[in-house]
Amino acid sequence: MKKIAILQSNYVPWKGYFDLIASVDEFVLFDDMQYTRRDWRNRNQIKTPQGAQWLTVPVEVKGRYNQRINETVTDGGHWSALHWKALEQNYRRAPHFDEIAAWLAPLYQASNESELLSVVNRRFLEAICSFLEIKTLISSSSDYELSDEKTERLANICVQAGAEEYISGPAARDYIDESVFTDKGITLRWFDYLGYKVYPQLWGDFVHGVSILDLLFNCGRNSPDYMRYVKT
């Protein structure tokens, strides 16, 4: 039974995002959706001695109120160098910093000052999946014929992909019409983000919701021990 998940791309997202990827056979980046400001599309948090800190990829938004995620362009400003400097300053004492920096630093160096946000996000997603040995196929919603209504669009992607089961994040309960999947013979299941173990973490009280980079710097190859659905 083929399982599929469909979700907007995020910038270096938290560990739960990668557990969702690992739980399915195909993960579709839903990047033909409208770009939303002050969201996870272009930012995430890391831990610092002063608390959680945002790393935000600047994007061009002026006059582009209806642009899609896959049309959104990064807005220069040497953001990649600034992000890497912040990571280096706050995680250089982490046990696995050198191991992760060996492949992560070149990704930041390869990020141009002006390129599609979707390209940036996918670059990091695929590299992190590779490190975690997650072998799920990653595709894009633009690879499929799309419908106008949101639930219908998700269900049609499942049909075109040959999926019999759709795994959705719990936040989608607010808008998904389950009957659309039932009518197409697709089983809808809700992903559960509860029950994560605490891992050794720098800088004070433990925080689950930060970027997965925090887990990688602190735990390296042992990171899957603190995740739930990673395939080995």
C-alpha atoms as a PDB file:
ATOM      1  CA  MET A   1       0.000   0.000   0.000  1.00  0.00           C
ATOM      2  CA  LYS A   2       1.617   3.242  -1.136  1.00  0.00           C
ATOM      3  CA  LYS A   3       1.577   6.041   1.427  1.00  0.00           C
ATOM      4  CA  ILE A   4       1.896   9.708   0.523  1.00  0.00           C
ATOM      5  CA  ALA A   5       2.140  13.011   2.398  1.00  0.00           C
ATOM      6  CA  ILE A   6       1.770  16.512   0.937  1.00  0.00           C
ATOM      7  CA  LEU A   7       3.120  19.580   2.726  1.00  0.00           C
ATOM      8  CA  GLN A   8       4.542  23.018   1.955  1.00  0.00           C
ATOM      9  CA  SER A   9       8.328  23.217   2.051  1.00  0.00           C
ATOM     10  CA  ASN A  10       9.831  24.728   5.200  1.00  0.00           C
ATOM     11  CA  TYR A  11      13.260  26.168   5.888  1.00  0.00           C
ATOM     12  CA  VAL A  12      15.393  23.673   7.908  1.00  0.00           C
ATOM     13  CA  PRO A  13      12.236  22.417   9.715  1.00  0.00           C
ATOM     14  CA  TRP A  14      11.926  20.629  13.053  1.00  0.00           C
ATOM     15  CA  LYS A  15      12.368  16.880  13.537  1.00  0.00           C
ATOM     16  CA  GLY A  16       8.656  16.115  13.210  1.00  0.00           C
ATOM     17  CA  TYR A  17       8.685  17.280   9.595  1.00  0.00           C
ATOM     18  CA  PHE A  18      11.329  14.684   8.760  1.00  0.00           C
ATOM     19  CA  ASP A  19       9.455  11.986  10.656  1.00  0.00           C
ATOM     20  CA  LEU A  20       6.472  12.703   8.418  1.00  0.00           C
ATOM     21  CA  ILE A  21       8.689  12.379   5.342  1.00  0.00           C
ATOM     22  CA  ALA A  22      10.118   9.093   6.612  1.00  0.00           C
ATOM     23  CA  SER A  23       6.665   7.648   7.321  1.00  0.00           C
ATOM     24  CA  VAL A  24       5.581   7.661   3.659  1.00  0.00           C
ATOM     25  CA  ASP A  25       6.717   6.347   0.280  1.00  0.00           C
ATOM     26  CA  GLU A  26       6.398   9.714  -1.484  1.00  0.00           C
ATOM     27  CA  PHE A  27       6.516  13.192  -0.011  1.00  0.00           C
ATOM     28  CA  VAL A  28       5.090  15.953  -2.197  1.00  0.00           C
ATOM     29  CA  LEU A  29       6.203  19.546  -1.675  1.00  0.00           C
ATOM     30  CA  PHE A  30       2.981  21.553  -1.976  1.00  0.00           C
ATOM     31  CA  ASP A  31       4.770  24.621  -3.304  1.00  0.00           C
ATOM     32  CA  ASP A  32       2.171  25.843  -5.770  1.00  0.00           C
ATOM     33  CA  MET A  33       0.268  27.164  -2.732  1.00  0.00           C
ATOM     34  CA  GLN A  34       0.241  30.886  -1.929  1.00  0.00           C
ATOM     35  CA  TYR A  35       3.281  32.082   0.002  1.00  0.00           C
ATOM     36  CA  THR A  36       2.379  33.104   3.557  1.00  0.00           C
ATOM     37  CA  ARG A  37       4.360  35.727   5.462  1.00  0.00           C
ATOM     38  CA  ARG A  38       5.723  35.194   8.963  1.00  0.00           C
ATOM     39  CA  ASP A  39       5.419  31.457   8.530  1.00  0.00           C
ATOM     40  CA  TRP A  40       7.736  28.443   8.450  1.00  0.00           C
ATOM     41  CA  ARG A  41       8.295  28.695   4.686  1.00  0.00           C
ATOM     42  CA  ASN A  42      11.351  30.956   5.082  1.00  0.00           C
ATOM     43  CA  ARG A  43      12.314  30.797   8.741  1.00  0.00           C
ATOM     44  CA  ASN A  44      12.973  28.559  11.721  1.00  0.00           C
ATOM     45  CA  GLN A  45      14.414  28.720  15.217  1.00  0.00           C
ATOM     46  CA  ILE A  46      17.691  27.626  16.801  1.00  0.00           C
ATOM     47  CA  LYS A  47      18.757  27.629  20.457  1.00  0.00           C
ATOM     48  CA  THR A  48      21.156  30.241  21.814  1.00  0.00           C
ATOM     49  CA  PRO A  49      22.340  31.245  25.313  1.00  0.00           C
ATOM     50  CA  GLN A  50      19.722  34.035  25.127  1.00  0.00           C
ATOM     51  CA  GLY A  51      16.899  31.663  24.176  1.00  0.00           C
ATOM     52  CA  ALA A  52      15.312  30.744  20.846  1.00  0.00           C
ATOM     53  CA  GLN A  53      16.500  32.811  17.869  1.00  0.00           C
ATOM     54  CA  TRP A  54      14.887  33.093  14.452  1.00  0.00           C
ATOM     55  CA  LEU A  55      16.869  32.398  11.289  1.00  0.00           C
ATOM     56  CA  THR A  56      14.901  34.094   8.517  1.00  0.00           C
ATOM     57  CA  VAL A  57      15.600  33.893   4.791  1.00  0.00           C
ATOM     58  CA  PRO A  58      14.719  37.334   3.359  1.00  0.00           C
ATOM     59  CA  VAL A  59      12.380  37.137   0.371  1.00  0.00           C
ATOM     60  CA  GLU A  60      10.928  39.574  -2.131  1.00  0.00           C
ATOM     61  CA  VAL A  61       7.332  40.347  -1.116  1.00  0.00           C
ATOM     62  CA  LYS A  62       6.673  43.978  -2.076  1.00  0.00           C
ATOM     63  CA  GLY A  63       3.790  44.058  -4.526  1.00  0.00           C
ATOM     64  CA  ARG A  64       3.716  40.243  -4.669  1.00  0.00           C
ATOM     65  CA  TYR A  65       0.727  39.580  -2.457  1.00  0.00           C
ATOM     66  CA  ASN A  66      -0.532  36.553  -4.372  1.00  0.00           C
ATOM     67  CA  GLN A  67       2.742  34.899  -5.292  1.00  0.00           C
ATOM     68  CA  ARG A  68       3.067  31.162  -4.827  1.00  0.00           C
ATOM     69  CA  ILE A  69       5.781  29.532  -2.752  1.00  0.00           C
ATOM     70  CA  ASN A  70       7.526  28.295  -5.895  1.00  0.00           C
ATOM     71  CA  GLU A  71       7.547  31.854  -7.279  1.00  0.00           C
ATOM     72  CA  THR A  72       9.052  33.442  -4.158  1.00  0.00           C
ATOM     73  CA  VAL A  73      12.628  34.663  -4.562  1.00  0.00           C
ATOM     74  CA  THR A  74      15.229  35.189  -1.843  1.00  0.00           C
ATOM     75  CA  ASP A  75      16.201  38.806  -1.387  1.00  0.00           C
ATOM     76  CA  GLY A  76      19.992  38.966  -1.205  1.00  0.00           C
ATOM     77  CA  GLY A  77      21.563  40.460   1.880  1.00  0.00           C
ATOM     78  CA  HIS A  78      24.144  37.726   2.317  1.00  0.00           C
ATOM     79  CA  TRP A  79      21.610  35.797   4.404  1.00  0.00           C
ATOM     80  CA  SER A  80      23.362  32.453   3.968  1.00  0.00           C
ATOM     81  CA  ALA A  81      26.640  33.727   5.442  1.00  0.00           C
ATOM     82  CA  LEU A  82      24.761  35.304   8.355  1.00  0.00           C
ATOM     83  CA  HIS A  83      22.845  32.102   9.038  1.00  0.00           C
ATOM     84  CA  TRP A  84      25.963  29.985   9.001  1.00  0.00           C
ATOM     85  CA  LYS A  85      27.717  32.436  11.332  1.00  0.00           C
ATOM     86  CA  ALA A  86      24.800  32.155  13.782  1.00  0.00           C
ATOM     87  CA  LEU A  87      24.907  28.373  13.633  1.00  0.00           C
ATOM     88  CA  GLU A  88      28.657  28.308  14.124  1.00  0.00           C
ATOM     89  CA  GLN A  89      28.526  30.691  17.083  1.00  0.00           C
ATOM     90  CA  ASN A  90      25.776  28.792  18.889  1.00  0.00           C
ATOM     91  CA  TYR A  91      26.651  25.172  18.102  1.00  0.00           C
ATOM     92  CA  ARG A  92      30.434  25.012  17.811  1.00  0.00           C
ATOM     93  CA  ARG A  93      30.513  23.473  21.314  1.00  0.00           C
ATOM     94  CA  ALA A  94      28.020  20.773  20.343  1.00  0.00           C
ATOM     95  CA  PRO A  95      29.497  17.243  20.254  1.00  0.00           C
ATOM     96  CA  HIS A  96      28.866  16.683  16.532  1.00  0.00           C
ATOM     97  CA  PHE A  97      29.410  20.177  15.157  1.00  0.00           C
ATOM     98  CA  ASP A  98      32.399  19.260  12.958  1.00  0.00           C
ATOM     99  CA  GLU A  99      30.627  16.195  11.539  1.00  0.00           C
ATOM    100  CA  ILE A 100      27.550  18.172  10.515  1.00  0.00           C
ATOM    101  CA  ALA A 101      29.466  21.277   9.418  1.00  0.00           C
ATOM    102  CA  ALA A 102      31.419  19.176   6.904  1.00  0.00           C
ATOM    103  CA  TRP A 103      28.351  18.870   4.660  1.00  0.00           C
ATOM    104  CA  LEU A 104      26.114  21.679   5.955  1.00  0.00           C
ATOM    105  CA  ALA A 105      28.530  24.606   5.555  1.00  0.00           C
ATOM    106  CA  PRO A 106      28.966  23.944   1.791  1.00  0.00           C
ATOM    107  CA  LEU A 107      25.171  24.061   1.380  1.00  0.00           C
ATOM    108  CA  TYR A 108      25.091  27.553   2.834  1.00  0.00           C
ATOM    109  CA  GLN A 109      28.026  28.554   0.670  1.00  0.00           C
ATOM    110  CA  ALA A 110      26.132  27.286  -2.387  1.00  0.00           C
ATOM    111  CA  SER A 111      23.046  29.376  -1.588  1.00  0.00           C
ATOM    112  CA  ASN A 112      22.858  32.370  -3.908  1.00  0.00           C
ATOM    113  CA  GLU A 113      21.683  35.799  -2.865  1.00  0.00           C
ATOM    114  CA  SER A 114      18.772  35.631  -5.283  1.00  0.00           C
ATOM    115  CA  GLU A 115      17.160  32.273  -6.040  1.00  0.00           C
ATOM    116  CA  LEU A 116      13.830  30.551  -5.566  1.00  0.00           C
ATOM    117  CA  LEU A 117      12.949  29.848  -1.949  1.00  0.00           C
ATOM    118  CA  SER A 118      11.635  26.418  -2.976  1.00  0.00           C
ATOM    119  CA  VAL A 119      15.051  25.555  -4.357  1.00  0.00           C
ATOM    120  CA  VAL A 120      16.746  26.646  -1.137  1.00  0.00           C
ATOM    121  CA  ASN A 121      14.355  24.660   1.041  1.00  0.00           C
ATOM    122  CA  ARG A 122      14.598  21.532  -1.063  1.00  0.00           C
ATOM    123  CA  ARG A 123      18.400  21.694  -1.062  1.00  0.00           C
ATOM    124  CA  PHE A 124      18.462  21.502   2.728  1.00  0.00           C
ATOM    125  CA  LEU A 125      15.619  18.980   2.970  1.00  0.00           C
ATOM    126  CA  GLU A 126      17.314  16.514   0.648  1.00  0.00           C
ATOM    127  CA  ALA A 127      20.707  16.865   2.332  1.00  0.00           C
ATOM    128  CA  ILE A 128      19.245  16.293   5.793  1.00  0.00           C
ATOM    129  CA  CYS A 129      17.230  13.306   4.556  1.00  0.00           C
ATOM    130  CA  SER A 130      20.406  11.866   3.077  1.00  0.00           C
ATOM    131  CA  PHE A 131      22.242  12.225   6.386  1.00  0.00           C
ATOM    132  CA  LEU A 132      19.345  10.572   8.242  1.00  0.00           C
ATOM    133  CA  GLU A 133      19.153   7.831   5.586  1.00  0.00           C
ATOM    134  CA  ILE A 134      15.554   8.686   4.753  1.00  0.00           C
ATOM    135  CA  LYS A 135      15.004   7.284   1.274  1.00  0.00           C
ATOM    136  CA  THR A 136      11.483   8.602   0.638  1.00  0.00           C
ATOM    137  CA  LEU A 137      10.852   9.944  -2.868  1.00  0.00           C
ATOM    138  CA  ILE A 138      10.493  13.749  -2.761  1.00  0.00           C
ATOM    139  CA  SER A 139       8.448  15.309  -5.567  1.00  0.00           C
ATOM    140  CA  SER A 140       6.607  18.599  -6.174  1.00  0.00           C
ATOM    141  CA  SER A 141       2.919  19.375  -6.571  1.00  0.00           C
ATOM    142  CA  SER A 142       3.779  21.031  -9.898  1.00  0.00           C
ATOM    143  CA  ASP A 143       4.578  17.533 -11.194  1.00  0.00           C
ATOM    144  CA  TYR A 144       0.839  16.778 -11.070  1.00  0.00           C
ATOM    145  CA  GLU A 145      -2.369  18.118 -12.606  1.00  0.00           C
ATOM    146  CA  LEU A 146      -4.026  20.236  -9.935  1.00  0.00           C
ATOM    147  CA  SER A 147      -7.606  21.067  -8.971  1.00  0.00           C
ATOM    148  CA  ASP A 148      -8.880  24.356  -7.568  1.00  0.00           C
ATOM    149  CA  GLU A 149     -10.458  23.193  -4.300  1.00  0.00           C
ATOM    150  CA  LYS A 150      -7.826  22.385  -1.676  1.00  0.00           C
ATOM    151  CA  THR A 151      -9.002  18.976  -0.430  1.00  0.00           C
ATOM    152  CA  GLU A 152      -9.832  17.887  -3.975  1.00  0.00           C
ATOM    153  CA  ARG A 153      -6.348  18.958  -5.032  1.00  0.00           C
ATOM    154  CA  LEU A 154      -4.710  16.827  -2.326  1.00  0.00           C
ATOM    155  CA  ALA A 155      -6.862  13.804  -3.120  1.00  0.00           C
ATOM    156  CA  ASN A 156      -6.205  14.092  -6.861  1.00  0.00           C
ATOM    157  CA  ILE A 157      -2.454  14.171  -6.277  1.00  0.00           C
ATOM    158  CA  CYS A 158      -2.850  10.947  -4.294  1.00  0.00           C
ATOM    159  CA  VAL A 159      -4.788   9.348  -7.163  1.00  0.00           C
ATOM    160  CA  GLN A 160      -2.237  10.424  -9.771  1.00  0.00           C
ATOM    161  CA  ALA A 161       0.622   9.165  -7.569  1.00  0.00           C
ATOM    162  CA  GLY A 162      -1.062   5.788  -7.138  1.00  0.00           C
ATOM    163  CA  ALA A 163      -1.321   6.243  -3.371  1.00  0.00           C
ATOM    164  CA  GLU A 164      -3.877   4.323  -1.315  1.00  0.00           C
ATOM    165  CA  GLU A 165      -3.161   6.095   1.961  1.00  0.00           C
ATOM    166  CA  TYR A 166      -2.732   9.798   2.701  1.00  0.00           C
ATOM    167  CA  ILE A 167      -0.873  10.816   5.862  1.00  0.00           C
ATOM    168  CA  SER A 168      -1.733  14.343   6.984  1.00  0.00           C
ATOM    169  CA  GLY A 169      -0.393  16.590   9.685  1.00  0.00           C
ATOM    170  CA  PRO A 170      -2.905  17.244  12.504  1.00  0.00           C
ATOM    171  CA  ALA A 171      -3.222  20.973  11.710  1.00  0.00           C
ATOM    172  CA  ALA A 172      -5.067  20.104   8.484  1.00  0.00           C
ATOM    173  CA  ARG A 173      -8.083  18.840  10.468  1.00  0.00           C
ATOM    174  CA  ASP A 174      -9.352  22.426  10.313  1.00  0.00           C
ATOM    175  CA  TYR A 175      -9.926  22.367   6.564  1.00  0.00           C
ATOM    176  CA  ILE A 176      -9.755  18.833   5.125  1.00  0.00           C
ATOM    177  CA  ASP A 177     -13.028  17.240   4.022  1.00  0.00           C
ATOM    178  CA  GLU A 178     -12.422  13.559   4.771  1.00  0.00           C
ATOM    179  CA  SER A 179     -15.297  12.458   2.503  1.00  0.00           C
ATOM    180  CA  VAL A 180     -13.332  13.569  -0.571  1.00  0.00           C
ATOM    181  CA  PHE A 181     -10.662  10.953   0.195  1.00  0.00           C
ATOM    182  CA  THR A 182     -13.236   8.305   1.081  1.00  0.00           C
ATOM    183  CA  ASP A 183     -15.033   8.820  -2.227  1.00  0.00           C
ATOM    184  CA  LYS A 184     -11.782   8.184  -4.081  1.00  0.00           C
ATOM    185  CA  GLY A 185     -10.949   5.053  -2.080  1.00  0.00           C
ATOM    186  CA  ILE A 186      -8.056   6.679  -0.225  1.00  0.00           C
ATOM    187  CA  THR A 187      -7.496   6.084   3.476  1.00  0.00           C
ATOM    188  CA  LEU A 188      -6.836   9.296   5.411  1.00  0.00           C
ATOM    189  CA  ARG A 189      -4.666   8.981   8.515  1.00  0.00           C
ATOM    190  CA  TRP A 190      -3.540  11.724  10.910  1.00  0.00           C
ATOM    191  CA  PHE A 191       0.116  11.961  11.870  1.00  0.00           C
ATOM    192  CA  ASP A 192       0.948  12.115  15.568  1.00  0.00           C
ATOM    193  CA  TYR A 193       3.768  14.369  16.769  1.00  0.00           C
ATOM    194  CA  LEU A 194       3.505  13.341  20.427  1.00  0.00           C
ATOM    195  CA  GLY A 195       5.938  11.279  22.493  1.00  0.00           C
ATOM    196  CA  TYR A 196       9.372  12.610  21.509  1.00  0.00           C
ATOM    197  CA  LYS A 197      12.264  11.804  23.788  1.00  0.00           C
ATOM    198  CA  VAL A 198      14.513  14.480  25.260  1.00  0.00           C
ATOM    199  CA  TYR A 199      18.056  14.537  23.882  1.00  0.00           C
ATOM    200  CA  PRO A 200      21.221  16.278  25.166  1.00  0.00           C
ATOM    201  CA  GLN A 201      20.719  19.923  24.200  1.00  0.00           C
ATOM    202  CA  LEU A 202      22.742  23.080  24.774  1.00  0.00           C
ATOM    203  CA  TRP A 203      21.563  26.285  26.425  1.00  0.00           C
ATOM    204  CA  GLY A 204      19.069  25.751  29.214  1.00  0.00           C
ATOM    205  CA  ASP A 205      15.634  24.156  29.316  1.00  0.00           C
ATOM    206  CA  PHE A 206      14.830  21.626  26.610  1.00  0.00           C
ATOM    207  CA  VAL A 207      12.879  22.841  23.559  1.00  0.00           C
ATOM    208  CA  HIS A 208      11.326  20.365  21.093  1.00  0.00           C
ATOM    209  CA  GLY A 209      10.160  22.725  18.352  1.00  0.00           C
ATOM    210  CA  VAL A 210      13.463  24.131  17.091  1.00  0.00           C
ATOM    211  CA  SER A 211      15.075  23.297  13.740  1.00  0.00           C
ATOM    212  CA  ILE A 212      16.308  19.733  13.311  1.00  0.00           C
ATOM    213  CA  LEU A 213      19.795  21.237  12.984  1.00  0.00           C
ATOM    214  CA  ASP A 214      19.792  21.444  16.781  1.00  0.00           C
ATOM    215  CA  LEU A 215      19.316  17.673  17.020  1.00  0.00           C
ATOM    216  CA  LEU A 216      21.940  16.981  14.370  1.00  0.00           C
ATOM    217  CA  PHE A 217      24.629  19.140  15.975  1.00  0.00           C
ATOM    218  CA  ASN A 218      23.987  17.586  19.378  1.00  0.00           C
ATOM    219  CA  CYS A 219      23.473  13.940  18.406  1.00  0.00           C
ATOM    220  CA  GLY A 220      24.974  13.363  14.938  1.00  0.00           C
ATOM    221  CA  ARG A 221      24.410   9.820  13.648  1.00  0.00           C
ATOM    222  CA  ASN A 222      22.453   9.039  16.800  1.00  0.00           C
ATOM    223  CA  SER A 223      19.760  11.570  15.868  1.00  0.00           C
ATOM    224  CA  PRO A 224      17.299   8.852  14.711  1.00  0.00           C
ATOM    225  CA  ASP A 225      17.291   7.506  18.285  1.00  0.00           C
ATOM    226  CA  TYR A 226      15.320  10.639  19.230  1.00  0.00           C
ATOM    227  CA  MET A 227      12.938  10.474  16.294  1.00  0.00           C
ATOM    228  CA  ARG A 228       9.948   8.216  15.715  1.00  0.00           C
ATOM    229  CA  TYR A 229       9.524   7.160  12.104  1.00  0.00           C
ATOM    230  CA  VAL A 230      12.989   7.291  10.570  1.00  0.00           C
ATOM    231  CA  LYS A 231      13.675   4.329   8.254  1.00  0.00           C
ATOM    232  CA  THR A 232      17.073   2.654   8.460  1.00  0.00           C
END
